[in-house]
Amino acid sequence: MDVILIAAVTQDGFIARQENEITSWTKDLWLFKKQTMGFPVIMGSNTWSCIKTELKNRKVIVIHRNDVAKQVLSKISSKKCFVAGGGRTNAKFFNELTHLYLTPHPLLFGSGVRLFHNAKEELKLSQEKIVPVDEKAAIYQYQYKIIRTAKKCPQ
């Protein structure tokens, strides 16, 4: 199964200014909705509380601190699923990810919620596709396949 992390990020690697932020700055919500339609979306409870009204017609799996990524994924029968954060949830699924769909936005936060909370391992990526989001603003989604050569990140 493809396990795809999907996220809008700032140029300095943040997905939000703070936990529980409703991210009104993203320009790719339409693409997120299109790509995740019909597939399970995994997220933490903070993310769920911020965007639950946006996620009709897809199975949302809200995880909690004690959930184990492999166990959550073992209950999914779909050919792919999406992980949509926040930072702790993304880090929890770090070792299971097969792809990253990242949409960098022309913003710098300086601090906030990182894409991966406390992840210290490197991932090698192979770019597969670039999808236009807002060409006037030069915003594109970059789709990568993860090449597993790094050591596993502790959960």
N, C-alpha and C. Protein backbone atom coordinates (compact mmCIF):
# COMPACT_ATOMS: atom_id res chain seq x y z
N MET A 1 0.84 -1.18 0.00
CA MET A 1 0.00 0.00 0.00
C MET A 1 0.89 1.24 0.00
N ASP A 2 0.50 2.25 -0.78
CA ASP A 2 1.18 3.53 -0.76
C ASP A 2 0.69 4.32 0.45
N VAL A 3 1.65 4.81 1.23
CA VAL A 3 1.35 5.65 2.40
C VAL A 3 1.95 7.02 2.10
N ILE A 4 1.08 7.98 1.81
CA ILE A 4 1.49 9.26 1.27
C ILE A 4 1.29 10.36 2.30
N LEU A 5 2.38 11.01 2.68
CA LEU A 5 2.25 12.20 3.52
C LEU A 5 1.93 13.37 2.60
N ILE A 6 0.88 14.10 2.90
CA ILE A 6 0.46 15.23 2.09
C ILE A 6 0.42 16.46 2.99
N ALA A 7 1.11 17.54 2.56
CA ALA A 7 1.18 18.72 3.43
C ALA A 7 1.50 19.98 2.65
N ALA A 8 0.93 21.08 3.12
CA ALA A 8 1.36 22.41 2.71
C ALA A 8 2.41 22.84 3.73
N VAL A 9 3.51 23.37 3.25
CA VAL A 9 4.61 23.77 4.14
C VAL A 9 5.09 25.17 3.79
N THR A 10 5.69 25.82 4.77
CA THR A 10 6.35 27.09 4.51
C THR A 10 7.75 26.80 3.97
N GLN A 11 8.42 27.83 3.50
CA GLN A 11 9.77 27.64 2.97
C GLN A 11 10.76 27.23 4.06
N ASP A 12 10.43 27.49 5.33
CA ASP A 12 11.31 27.06 6.42
C ASP A 12 10.80 25.79 7.12
N GLY A 13 9.92 25.04 6.45
CA GLY A 13 9.57 23.70 6.90
C GLY A 13 8.48 23.57 7.94
N PHE A 14 7.65 24.58 8.11
CA PHE A 14 6.57 24.50 9.09
C PHE A 14 5.23 24.23 8.41
N ILE A 15 4.36 23.51 9.14
CA ILE A 15 3.02 23.21 8.63
C ILE A 15 1.96 24.05 9.33
N ALA A 16 2.35 24.73 10.40
CA ALA A 16 1.44 25.63 11.13
C ALA A 16 2.27 26.51 12.06
N ARG A 17 1.69 27.63 12.45
CA ARG A 17 2.36 28.52 13.41
C ARG A 17 2.30 27.95 14.82
N GLN A 18 1.20 27.23 15.10
CA GLN A 18 0.99 26.64 16.42
C GLN A 18 0.00 25.47 16.28
N GLU A 19 -0.04 24.62 17.30
CA GLU A 19 -1.02 23.53 17.29
C GLU A 19 -2.41 24.14 17.30
N ASN A 20 -3.36 23.45 16.72
CA ASN A 20 -4.77 23.87 16.65
C ASN A 20 -5.00 25.09 15.76
N GLU A 21 -4.02 25.43 14.92
CA GLU A 21 -4.20 26.55 14.00
C GLU A 21 -5.07 26.12 12.82
N ILE A 22 -6.03 26.92 12.47
CA ILE A 22 -6.79 26.71 11.24
C ILE A 22 -5.98 27.39 10.15
N THR A 23 -5.41 26.59 9.25
CA THR A 23 -4.46 27.11 8.27
C THR A 23 -5.17 27.75 7.10
N SER A 24 -5.42 29.03 7.21
CA SER A 24 -6.09 29.76 6.14
C SER A 24 -5.10 30.22 5.07
N TRP A 25 -3.81 30.03 5.31
CA TRP A 25 -2.78 30.49 4.38
C TRP A 25 -2.53 29.54 3.21
N THR A 26 -3.01 28.33 3.27
CA THR A 26 -2.70 27.36 2.22
C THR A 26 -3.52 27.64 0.96
N LYS A 27 -2.90 27.42 -0.17
CA LYS A 27 -3.55 27.63 -1.47
C LYS A 27 -3.92 26.30 -2.15
N ASP A 28 -3.63 25.18 -1.49
CA ASP A 28 -3.78 23.87 -2.14
C ASP A 28 -4.90 23.01 -1.59
N LEU A 29 -5.83 23.60 -0.84
CA LEU A 29 -6.91 22.80 -0.26
C LEU A 29 -7.71 22.10 -1.35
N TRP A 30 -7.95 22.74 -2.48
CA TRP A 30 -8.69 22.11 -3.58
C TRP A 30 -7.97 20.86 -4.08
N LEU A 31 -6.63 20.91 -4.14
CA LEU A 31 -5.86 19.76 -4.61
C LEU A 31 -5.86 18.65 -3.57
N PHE A 32 -5.73 19.02 -2.30
CA PHE A 32 -5.81 18.06 -1.20
C PHE A 32 -7.13 17.30 -1.27
N LYS A 33 -8.22 18.03 -1.45
CA LYS A 33 -9.53 17.39 -1.52
C LYS A 33 -9.62 16.43 -2.71
N LYS A 34 -9.13 16.88 -3.86
CA LYS A 34 -9.16 16.05 -5.08
C LYS A 34 -8.33 14.78 -4.91
N GLN A 35 -7.13 14.91 -4.37
CA GLN A 35 -6.22 13.76 -4.28
C GLN A 35 -6.64 12.75 -3.22
N THR A 36 -7.24 13.22 -2.13
CA THR A 36 -7.59 12.31 -1.05
C THR A 36 -8.99 11.72 -1.18
N MET A 37 -9.79 12.23 -2.11
CA MET A 37 -11.16 11.75 -2.28
C MET A 37 -11.19 10.24 -2.51
N GLY A 38 -11.97 9.55 -1.70
CA GLY A 38 -12.13 8.11 -1.86
C GLY A 38 -11.06 7.28 -1.16
N PHE A 39 -10.13 7.93 -0.48
CA PHE A 39 -9.05 7.20 0.21
C PHE A 39 -9.02 7.58 1.68
N PRO A 40 -8.55 6.67 2.53
CA PRO A 40 -8.43 7.00 3.95
C PRO A 40 -7.41 8.11 4.17
N VAL A 41 -7.72 8.99 5.12
CA VAL A 41 -6.83 10.06 5.53
C VAL A 41 -6.57 9.91 7.03
N ILE A 42 -5.31 9.79 7.38
CA ILE A 42 -4.90 9.63 8.78
C ILE A 42 -4.42 10.97 9.30
N MET A 43 -4.90 11.35 10.49
CA MET A 43 -4.44 12.59 11.10
C MET A 43 -4.59 12.50 12.61
N GLY A 44 -3.90 13.40 13.28
CA GLY A 44 -4.03 13.49 14.73
C GLY A 44 -5.27 14.26 15.12
N SER A 45 -5.61 14.22 16.38
CA SER A 45 -6.85 14.86 16.84
C SER A 45 -6.80 16.38 16.71
N ASN A 46 -5.63 17.00 16.86
CA ASN A 46 -5.54 18.45 16.68
C ASN A 46 -5.86 18.84 15.24
N THR A 47 -5.27 18.13 14.29
CA THR A 47 -5.54 18.42 12.88
C THR A 47 -7.01 18.18 12.56
N TRP A 48 -7.56 17.09 13.07
CA TRP A 48 -8.96 16.77 12.84
C TRP A 48 -9.87 17.90 13.33
N SER A 49 -9.57 18.44 14.50
CA SER A 49 -10.43 19.50 15.04
C SER A 49 -10.34 20.78 14.20
N CYS A 50 -9.26 20.95 13.44
CA CYS A 50 -9.09 22.15 12.62
C CYS A 50 -9.72 22.05 11.24
N ILE A 51 -9.80 20.82 10.67
CA ILE A 51 -10.26 20.72 9.27
C ILE A 51 -11.38 19.72 9.03
N LYS A 52 -12.01 19.22 10.07
CA LYS A 52 -13.00 18.15 9.88
C LYS A 52 -14.13 18.51 8.94
N THR A 53 -14.52 19.76 8.86
CA THR A 53 -15.62 20.13 7.97
C THR A 53 -15.23 20.05 6.50
N GLU A 54 -13.93 19.99 6.21
CA GLU A 54 -13.43 19.95 4.83
C GLU A 54 -13.32 18.54 4.26
N LEU A 55 -13.58 17.52 5.06
CA LEU A 55 -13.23 16.15 4.66
C LEU A 55 -14.43 15.24 4.45
N LYS A 56 -15.36 15.66 3.63
CA LYS A 56 -16.50 14.81 3.31
C LYS A 56 -16.08 13.76 2.28
N ASN A 57 -16.78 12.63 2.26
CA ASN A 57 -16.60 11.55 1.28
C ASN A 57 -15.23 10.88 1.32
N ARG A 58 -14.67 10.79 2.48
CA ARG A 58 -13.45 10.01 2.66
C ARG A 58 -13.43 9.49 4.10
N LYS A 59 -12.79 8.37 4.28
CA LYS A 59 -12.68 7.81 5.62
C LYS A 59 -11.54 8.52 6.35
N VAL A 60 -11.85 9.13 7.47
CA VAL A 60 -10.83 9.81 8.26
C VAL A 60 -10.51 8.93 9.46
N ILE A 61 -9.23 8.69 9.66
CA ILE A 61 -8.77 7.90 10.79
C ILE A 61 -8.02 8.86 11.72
N VAL A 62 -8.63 9.14 12.87
CA VAL A 62 -8.02 10.04 13.84
C VAL A 62 -7.23 9.20 14.82
N ILE A 63 -5.93 9.48 14.89
CA ILE A 63 -5.09 8.69 15.79
C ILE A 63 -4.74 9.50 17.03
N HIS A 64 -4.27 8.78 18.04
CA HIS A 64 -3.92 9.39 19.32
C HIS A 64 -2.49 8.97 19.69
N ARG A 65 -1.95 9.57 20.72
CA ARG A 65 -0.54 9.39 21.08
C ARG A 65 -0.10 7.93 21.24
N ASN A 66 -0.98 7.08 21.74
CA ASN A 66 -0.59 5.69 22.01
C ASN A 66 -0.79 4.76 20.81
N ASP A 67 -1.36 5.25 19.73
CA ASP A 67 -1.56 4.41 18.55
C ASP A 67 -0.22 4.10 17.89
N VAL A 68 -0.13 2.90 17.31
CA VAL A 68 1.09 2.45 16.62
C VAL A 68 0.82 2.46 15.12
N ALA A 69 1.71 3.09 14.38
CA ALA A 69 1.51 3.28 12.94
C ALA A 69 1.24 1.97 12.21
N LYS A 70 2.06 0.95 12.42
CA LYS A 70 1.88 -0.32 11.71
C LYS A 70 0.51 -0.94 12.00
N GLN A 71 0.05 -0.83 13.22
CA GLN A 71 -1.26 -1.38 13.57
C GLN A 71 -2.38 -0.61 12.90
N VAL A 72 -2.26 0.72 12.85
CA VAL A 72 -3.27 1.54 12.18
C VAL A 72 -3.33 1.16 10.70
N LEU A 73 -2.17 1.06 10.07
CA LEU A 73 -2.11 0.74 8.63
C LEU A 73 -2.60 -0.67 8.33
N SER A 74 -2.41 -1.60 9.25
CA SER A 74 -2.82 -3.00 9.01
C SER A 74 -4.33 -3.14 8.88
N LYS A 75 -5.08 -2.16 9.34
CA LYS A 75 -6.54 -2.20 9.27
C LYS A 75 -7.09 -1.53 8.01
N ILE A 76 -6.19 -1.03 7.15
CA ILE A 76 -6.61 -0.34 5.93
C ILE A 76 -6.47 -1.28 4.74
N SER A 77 -7.53 -1.42 3.95
CA SER A 77 -7.49 -2.33 2.80
C SER A 77 -7.33 -1.60 1.47
N SER A 78 -7.25 -0.29 1.49
CA SER A 78 -7.14 0.53 0.29
C SER A 78 -5.76 0.38 -0.35
N LYS A 79 -5.65 0.71 -1.66
CA LYS A 79 -4.34 0.64 -2.35
C LYS A 79 -3.43 1.78 -1.93
N LYS A 80 -4.03 2.86 -1.36
CA LYS A 80 -3.23 3.94 -0.82
C LYS A 80 -4.00 4.65 0.27
N CYS A 81 -3.26 5.35 1.11
CA CYS A 81 -3.86 6.19 2.13
C CYS A 81 -2.97 7.42 2.28
N PHE A 82 -3.52 8.44 2.92
CA PHE A 82 -2.81 9.69 3.11
C PHE A 82 -2.62 9.97 4.59
N VAL A 83 -1.48 10.52 4.92
CA VAL A 83 -1.19 10.99 6.27
C VAL A 83 -1.17 12.51 6.17
N ALA A 84 -1.99 13.17 6.99
CA ALA A 84 -2.12 14.62 6.90
C ALA A 84 -1.87 15.30 8.25
N GLY A 85 -0.91 14.78 9.00
CA GLY A 85 -0.40 15.45 10.19
C GLY A 85 -1.34 15.59 11.35
N GLY A 86 -0.81 16.38 12.19
CA GLY A 86 0.30 17.31 12.32
C GLY A 86 1.67 16.67 12.46
N GLY A 87 2.58 17.46 13.03
CA GLY A 87 3.97 17.07 13.11
C GLY A 87 4.22 15.78 13.88
N ARG A 88 3.51 15.57 14.97
CA ARG A 88 3.68 14.34 15.75
C ARG A 88 3.14 13.12 15.00
N THR A 89 2.01 13.30 14.36
CA THR A 89 1.43 12.21 13.56
C THR A 89 2.34 11.87 12.39
N ASN A 90 2.83 12.89 11.69
CA ASN A 90 3.75 12.66 10.58
C ASN A 90 4.98 11.89 11.05
N ALA A 91 5.53 12.27 12.20
CA ALA A 91 6.71 11.58 12.74
C ALA A 91 6.39 10.14 13.11
N LYS A 92 5.19 9.91 13.63
CA LYS A 92 4.77 8.55 14.02
C LYS A 92 4.75 7.62 12.80
N PHE A 93 4.40 8.17 11.62
CA PHE A 93 4.32 7.37 10.39
C PHE A 93 5.58 7.46 9.54
N PHE A 94 6.60 8.15 10.01
CA PHE A 94 7.84 8.39 9.28
C PHE A 94 8.40 7.12 8.63
N ASN A 95 8.48 6.04 9.40
CA ASN A 95 9.07 4.79 8.90
C ASN A 95 8.18 4.03 7.94
N GLU A 96 6.91 4.40 7.85
CA GLU A 96 5.96 3.68 7.00
C GLU A 96 5.68 4.42 5.70
N LEU A 97 6.10 5.66 5.59
CA LEU A 97 5.78 6.47 4.41
C LEU A 97 6.45 5.92 3.15
N THR A 98 5.71 5.97 2.04
CA THR A 98 6.26 5.58 0.74
C THR A 98 6.42 6.78 -0.18
N HIS A 99 5.64 7.85 0.08
CA HIS A 99 5.65 9.04 -0.77
C HIS A 99 5.44 10.30 0.06
N LEU A 100 5.92 11.42 -0.46
CA LEU A 100 5.64 12.74 0.10
C LEU A 100 5.03 13.60 -0.99
N TYR A 101 3.92 14.26 -0.69
CA TYR A 101 3.32 15.26 -1.58
C TYR A 101 3.40 16.59 -0.82
N LEU A 102 4.38 17.40 -1.17
CA LEU A 102 4.62 18.65 -0.44
C LEU A 102 4.33 19.86 -1.31
N THR A 103 3.64 20.82 -0.74
CA THR A 103 3.34 22.07 -1.44
C THR A 103 3.98 23.23 -0.67
N PRO A 104 5.20 23.62 -1.06
CA PRO A 104 5.83 24.77 -0.39
C PRO A 104 5.12 26.07 -0.76
N HIS A 105 4.89 26.90 0.24
CA HIS A 105 4.24 28.20 0.05
C HIS A 105 5.26 29.31 0.31
N PRO A 106 5.07 30.46 -0.31
CA PRO A 106 6.03 31.55 -0.16
C PRO A 106 5.85 32.30 1.17
N LEU A 107 6.10 31.58 2.26
CA LEU A 107 5.99 32.12 3.61
C LEU A 107 7.14 31.63 4.46
N LEU A 108 7.52 32.41 5.45
CA LEU A 108 8.47 32.00 6.48
C LEU A 108 7.81 32.24 7.83
N PHE A 109 7.76 31.23 8.69
CA PHE A 109 7.16 31.40 10.01
C PHE A 109 8.23 31.63 11.08
N GLY A 110 9.43 31.07 10.89
CA GLY A 110 10.47 31.22 11.90
C GLY A 110 10.35 30.22 13.03
N SER A 111 9.14 29.88 13.41
CA SER A 111 8.90 28.86 14.44
C SER A 111 7.48 28.34 14.23
N GLY A 112 7.19 27.23 14.87
CA GLY A 112 5.86 26.65 14.74
C GLY A 112 5.90 25.14 14.76
N VAL A 113 4.96 24.52 14.08
CA VAL A 113 4.84 23.06 14.02
C VAL A 113 5.61 22.58 12.80
N ARG A 114 6.66 21.81 13.02
CA ARG A 114 7.48 21.28 11.93
C ARG A 114 6.76 20.13 11.22
N LEU A 115 7.15 19.88 9.98
CA LEU A 115 6.59 18.79 9.21
C LEU A 115 6.71 17.46 9.96
N PHE A 116 7.88 17.20 10.54
CA PHE A 116 8.12 16.01 11.36
C PHE A 116 8.61 16.47 12.73
N HIS A 117 7.84 16.21 13.75
CA HIS A 117 8.23 16.57 15.11
C HIS A 117 9.41 15.71 15.57
N ASN A 118 10.53 16.34 15.82
CA ASN A 118 11.74 15.69 16.36
C ASN A 118 12.34 14.58 15.50
N ALA A 119 12.03 14.52 14.22
CA ALA A 119 12.64 13.50 13.36
C ALA A 119 14.10 13.87 13.12
N LYS A 120 14.99 12.89 13.27
CA LYS A 120 16.41 13.16 13.14
C LYS A 120 17.05 12.39 11.99
N GLU A 121 16.25 11.56 11.33
CA GLU A 121 16.78 10.76 10.23
C GLU A 121 16.59 11.48 8.90
N GLU A 122 17.42 11.12 7.95
CA GLU A 122 17.29 11.67 6.60
C GLU A 122 16.54 10.69 5.72
N LEU A 123 15.86 11.22 4.73
CA LEU A 123 15.21 10.39 3.72
C LEU A 123 15.74 10.81 2.36
N LYS A 124 16.01 9.83 1.52
CA LYS A 124 16.37 10.11 0.14
C LYS A 124 15.08 10.08 -0.66
N LEU A 125 14.89 11.09 -1.50
CA LEU A 125 13.66 11.23 -2.27
C LEU A 125 13.95 11.21 -3.76
N SER A 126 13.02 10.65 -4.51
CA SER A 126 13.08 10.67 -5.96
C SER A 126 11.84 11.40 -6.45
N GLN A 127 12.04 12.52 -7.15
CA GLN A 127 10.90 13.31 -7.61
C GLN A 127 10.15 12.55 -8.70
N GLU A 128 8.82 12.48 -8.56
CA GLU A 128 7.99 11.79 -9.53
C GLU A 128 7.15 12.74 -10.37
N LYS A 129 6.70 13.85 -9.77
CA LYS A 129 5.77 14.72 -10.50
C LYS A 129 5.73 16.09 -9.84
N ILE A 130 5.44 17.11 -10.65
CA ILE A 130 5.19 18.47 -10.16
C ILE A 130 3.80 18.86 -10.63
N VAL A 131 2.94 19.25 -9.69
CA VAL A 131 1.56 19.58 -10.00
C VAL A 131 1.33 21.08 -9.74
N PRO A 132 0.87 21.82 -10.74
CA PRO A 132 0.58 23.25 -10.53
C PRO A 132 -0.56 23.43 -9.53
N VAL A 133 -0.36 24.35 -8.59
CA VAL A 133 -1.40 24.70 -7.61
C VAL A 133 -1.92 26.10 -7.91
N ASP A 134 -1.00 27.05 -7.98
CA ASP A 134 -1.32 28.44 -8.31
C ASP A 134 -0.14 28.98 -9.10
N GLU A 135 -0.21 28.86 -10.41
CA GLU A 135 0.94 29.22 -11.25
C GLU A 135 1.28 30.70 -11.18
N LYS A 136 0.29 31.58 -11.01
CA LYS A 136 0.59 33.01 -10.88
C LYS A 136 1.44 33.29 -9.65
N ALA A 137 1.18 32.56 -8.57
CA ALA A 137 1.94 32.72 -7.33
C ALA A 137 3.14 31.78 -7.27
N ALA A 138 3.38 31.02 -8.34
CA ALA A 138 4.49 30.05 -8.42
C ALA A 138 4.42 29.01 -7.30
N ILE A 139 3.22 28.48 -7.06
CA ILE A 139 3.03 27.45 -6.04
C ILE A 139 2.74 26.13 -6.74
N TYR A 140 3.55 25.13 -6.41
CA TYR A 140 3.44 23.81 -7.03
C TYR A 140 3.51 22.75 -5.93
N GLN A 141 2.87 21.62 -6.19
CA GLN A 141 3.02 20.47 -5.31
C GLN A 141 4.12 19.58 -5.90
N TYR A 142 5.05 19.19 -5.05
CA TYR A 142 6.14 18.31 -5.46
C TYR A 142 5.87 16.92 -4.89
N GLN A 143 5.80 15.95 -5.80
CA GLN A 143 5.51 14.57 -5.39
C GLN A 143 6.79 13.75 -5.46
N TYR A 144 7.11 13.11 -4.34
CA TYR A 144 8.34 12.33 -4.23
C TYR A 144 8.04 10.90 -3.81
N LYS A 145 8.84 9.99 -4.33
CA LYS A 145 8.86 8.61 -3.83
C LYS A 145 10.00 8.55 -2.83
N ILE A 146 9.79 7.87 -1.73
CA ILE A 146 10.83 7.73 -0.71
C ILE A 146 11.70 6.53 -1.05
N ILE A 147 13.00 6.76 -1.09
CA ILE A 147 13.99 5.70 -1.31
C ILE A 147 14.52 5.30 0.06
N ARG A 148 14.20 4.11 0.50
CA ARG A 148 14.56 3.68 1.85
C ARG A 148 16.00 3.20 1.93
N THR A 149 16.87 4.10 2.37
CA THR A 149 18.26 3.74 2.62
C THR A 149 18.69 4.16 4.02
N ALA A 150 17.92 5.08 4.63
CA ALA A 150 18.26 5.58 5.95
C ALA A 150 17.84 4.60 7.02
N LYS A 151 18.47 4.72 8.19
CA LYS A 151 18.07 3.92 9.34
C LYS A 151 16.69 4.34 9.77
N LYS A 152 16.02 3.46 10.46
CA LYS A 152 14.67 3.75 10.94
C LYS A 152 14.71 4.84 12.01
N CYS A 153 13.73 5.69 11.99
CA CYS A 153 13.59 6.76 12.99
C CYS A 153 12.85 6.19 14.19
N PRO A 154 13.37 6.38 15.40
CA PRO A 154 12.65 5.86 16.58
C PRO A 154 11.30 6.53 16.74
N GLN A 155 10.30 5.74 17.11
CA GLN A 155 8.95 6.29 17.34
C GLN A 155 8.82 6.61 18.76
